[in-house]
Protein backbone atom coordinates (compact mmCIF):
# COMPACT_ATOMS: atom_id res chain seq x y z
CA MET A 1 155.18 90.93 155.23
CA LYS A 2 156.26 88.42 152.60
CA LYS A 3 155.39 85.65 155.01
CA TRP A 4 151.79 86.91 155.38
CA THR A 5 151.43 87.36 151.64
CA TYR A 6 152.64 83.79 151.11
CA ILE A 7 150.18 82.43 153.72
CA LEU A 8 147.30 84.44 152.25
CA SER A 9 148.07 83.21 148.73
CA MET A 10 148.21 79.61 149.99
CA VAL A 11 144.81 79.98 151.68
CA ILE A 12 143.29 81.40 148.48
CA TRP A 13 144.88 78.64 146.41
CA ILE A 14 143.55 75.90 148.74
CA THR A 15 140.02 77.33 148.76
CA GLN A 16 140.00 77.34 144.97
CA ILE A 17 141.14 73.74 144.75
CA SER A 18 138.49 72.33 147.08
CA PRO A 19 135.61 72.43 144.51
CA VAL A 20 137.50 69.82 142.49
CA ASN A 21 136.98 67.34 145.31
CA ALA A 22 133.37 68.38 145.91
CA ALA A 23 131.81 65.14 144.59
CA ASP A 24 133.16 62.92 147.30
CA LYS A 25 129.92 61.20 148.27
CA ILE A 26 128.94 58.84 145.47
CA ALA A 27 126.28 56.14 145.40
CA ILE A 28 125.11 53.55 142.89
CA VAL A 29 121.59 52.27 142.23
CA ASN A 30 120.25 49.41 140.12
CA ILE A 31 117.28 51.01 138.32
CA SER A 32 116.59 47.91 136.23
CA ASN A 33 116.33 45.68 139.29
CA ILE A 34 114.02 48.14 141.04
CA PHE A 35 111.82 48.37 137.94
CA GLN A 36 111.63 44.58 137.53
CA GLN A 37 110.67 44.02 141.17
CA SER A 38 108.31 46.96 141.63
CA SER A 39 104.75 46.17 142.61
CA GLN A 40 103.53 48.93 140.26
CA ARG A 41 104.96 47.00 137.31
CA ALA A 42 102.94 43.90 138.20
CA LYS A 43 99.78 45.99 138.58
CA ILE A 44 100.35 47.66 135.22
CA ILE A 45 100.90 44.31 133.48
CA LYS A 46 97.55 43.04 134.79
CA GLN A 47 95.84 46.32 133.92
CA LEU A 48 97.12 46.24 130.33
CA GLU A 49 96.17 42.57 129.92
CA TYR A 50 92.64 43.43 131.01
CA GLU A 51 92.57 46.54 128.83
CA PHE A 52 93.55 44.63 125.68
CA LYS A 53 91.88 41.30 126.47
CA ASP A 54 88.80 41.75 124.26
CA ARG A 55 90.82 42.84 121.25
CA ALA A 56 93.30 39.99 121.71
CA THR A 57 90.42 37.51 121.85
CA GLU A 58 88.92 39.01 118.69
CA LEU A 59 92.26 38.67 116.88
CA GLU A 60 92.60 35.05 118.02
CA LYS A 61 89.13 34.28 116.62
CA MET A 62 89.97 35.99 113.32
CA GLU A 63 93.19 34.01 113.08
CA HIS A 64 91.37 30.75 113.82
CA ASP A 65 88.75 31.51 111.12
CA LEU A 66 91.53 32.26 108.62
CA GLN A 67 93.27 28.98 109.41
CA MET A 68 90.02 27.05 109.01
CA LYS A 69 89.36 28.63 105.60
CA ILE A 70 92.93 27.93 104.49
CA GLN A 71 92.57 24.29 105.54
CA THR A 72 89.25 24.08 103.67
CA LEU A 73 90.86 25.52 100.55
CA GLN A 74 93.81 23.12 100.77
CA ARG A 75 91.64 20.11 101.48
CA ASP A 76 88.70 20.76 99.14
CA GLY A 77 90.18 23.24 96.68
CA ALA A 78 90.79 20.70 93.94
CA ALA A 79 87.21 19.42 94.12
CA MET A 80 85.60 22.90 94.15
CA LYS A 81 84.18 24.63 91.16
CA ALA A 82 86.41 27.35 89.76
CA ILE A 83 83.98 30.11 90.81
CA GLU A 84 83.69 28.79 94.39
CA ARG A 85 87.47 28.44 94.69
CA SER A 86 88.02 31.94 93.31
CA GLU A 87 85.49 33.44 95.74
CA LEU A 88 87.09 31.60 98.67
CA GLU A 89 90.56 32.79 97.63
CA LYS A 90 89.34 36.40 97.35
CA SER A 91 87.64 36.10 100.72
CA LEU A 92 90.84 34.73 102.24
CA ILE A 93 92.95 37.56 100.80
CA ASN A 94 90.48 40.16 102.05
CA GLN A 95 90.17 38.57 105.49
CA ARG A 96 93.97 38.20 105.79
CA GLU A 97 94.44 41.89 104.96
CA ILE A 98 91.83 42.94 107.55
CA PHE A 99 93.45 40.66 110.13
CA SER A 100 96.91 42.00 109.35
CA ASN A 101 95.77 45.61 109.71
CA LYS A 102 93.97 44.94 112.99
CA ALA A 103 96.95 43.00 114.36
CA LYS A 104 99.35 45.80 113.43
CA GLU A 105 97.07 48.42 115.02
CA PHE A 106 96.74 46.26 118.14
CA GLN A 107 100.51 45.84 118.45
CA GLN A 108 101.15 49.56 118.00
CA GLU A 109 98.56 50.57 120.60
CA ASN A 110 99.70 47.89 123.03
CA HIS A 111 103.34 48.95 122.64
CA SER A 112 102.41 52.61 123.04
CA ARG A 113 100.50 51.93 126.28
CA GLN A 114 103.30 49.75 127.65
CA THR A 115 105.83 52.49 126.92
CA GLU A 116 103.60 55.12 128.53
CA GLU A 117 103.17 53.07 131.70
CA ARG A 118 106.85 52.08 131.83
CA ASP A 119 107.84 55.74 131.60
CA LYS A 120 105.51 56.61 134.49
CA ILE A 121 107.13 53.98 136.68
CA LEU A 122 110.66 55.01 135.68
CA ASN A 123 109.87 58.67 136.43
CA MET A 124 108.55 57.68 139.84
CA ILE A 125 111.72 55.62 140.51
CA HIS A 126 113.85 58.57 139.38
CA ASN A 127 112.03 60.86 141.82
CA VAL A 128 112.58 58.40 144.68
CA VAL A 129 116.29 58.09 143.81
CA THR A 130 116.57 61.88 143.81
CA ASN A 131 114.83 62.12 147.20
CA VAL A 132 117.05 59.41 148.73
CA ALA A 133 120.15 61.10 147.31
CA LYS A 134 119.13 64.47 148.75
CA LYS A 135 118.15 62.98 152.10
CA GLU A 136 121.44 61.10 152.46
CA ASN A 137 123.51 63.98 150.98
CA TYR A 138 124.95 62.14 147.97
CA ASP A 139 126.71 64.29 145.40
CA ILE A 140 126.40 61.78 142.57
CA VAL A 141 124.19 58.70 142.03
CA ILE A 142 125.08 56.44 139.12
CA ASP A 143 123.05 53.57 137.67
CA THR A 144 124.91 50.27 138.03
CA SER A 145 124.51 49.60 134.30
CA ALA A 146 126.90 52.52 133.69
CA VAL A 147 129.52 51.31 136.18
CA VAL A 148 132.22 48.84 135.21
CA TYR A 149 133.90 48.79 138.61
CA HIS A 150 133.35 50.39 141.98
CA SER A 151 135.14 50.04 145.27
CA ILE A 152 133.50 48.84 148.45
CA HIS A 153 133.50 52.45 149.65
CA ILE A 154 130.75 53.34 147.16
CA THR A 155 127.30 52.92 148.71
CA ASP A 156 124.56 51.00 146.91
CA ILE A 157 121.20 52.69 147.61
CA THR A 158 119.13 50.19 145.63
CA ASN A 159 117.50 48.69 148.74
CA SER A 160 116.64 52.12 150.17
CA VAL A 161 114.99 53.10 146.92
CA MET A 162 113.25 49.71 146.60
CA LYS A 163 111.65 50.10 150.03
CA GLN A 164 110.15 53.44 149.03
CA VAL A 165 109.04 52.33 145.58
CA GLY A 166 107.34 49.20 146.88
């Protein structure tokens, strides 16, 4: 009887230990590399350039006009009447402020759109990684940027994910 009790307790003990070793199928993936090489990223870059092209051109023209007025003031300022010089200086200050505000607004909107589109791509990549991990029965998938060292027994699924992302 003691023998059977001992065997039963060993079986229970072994079954309780096995969850510790449950994560035995681990893979790594290089999200950054996938993002950099994705065709969606290239499309988004072109789309955003087109979307902000007119405003960028307008800002370039405003900047050019400002530079021309500054050069005029520097070159002819000493020969101008005090009233003309004062009006030109006020105009420059006003135009510089308008330019600065428009440039800041442009940068904020451009950054916001870039972030929005980047997040869409990263979410799509995350979904593909999850699908590949489920399909290939991986317990854990870790981004290579978080790994200092891995043995050759750890599988890199970057290429599998890259093929699906495109």
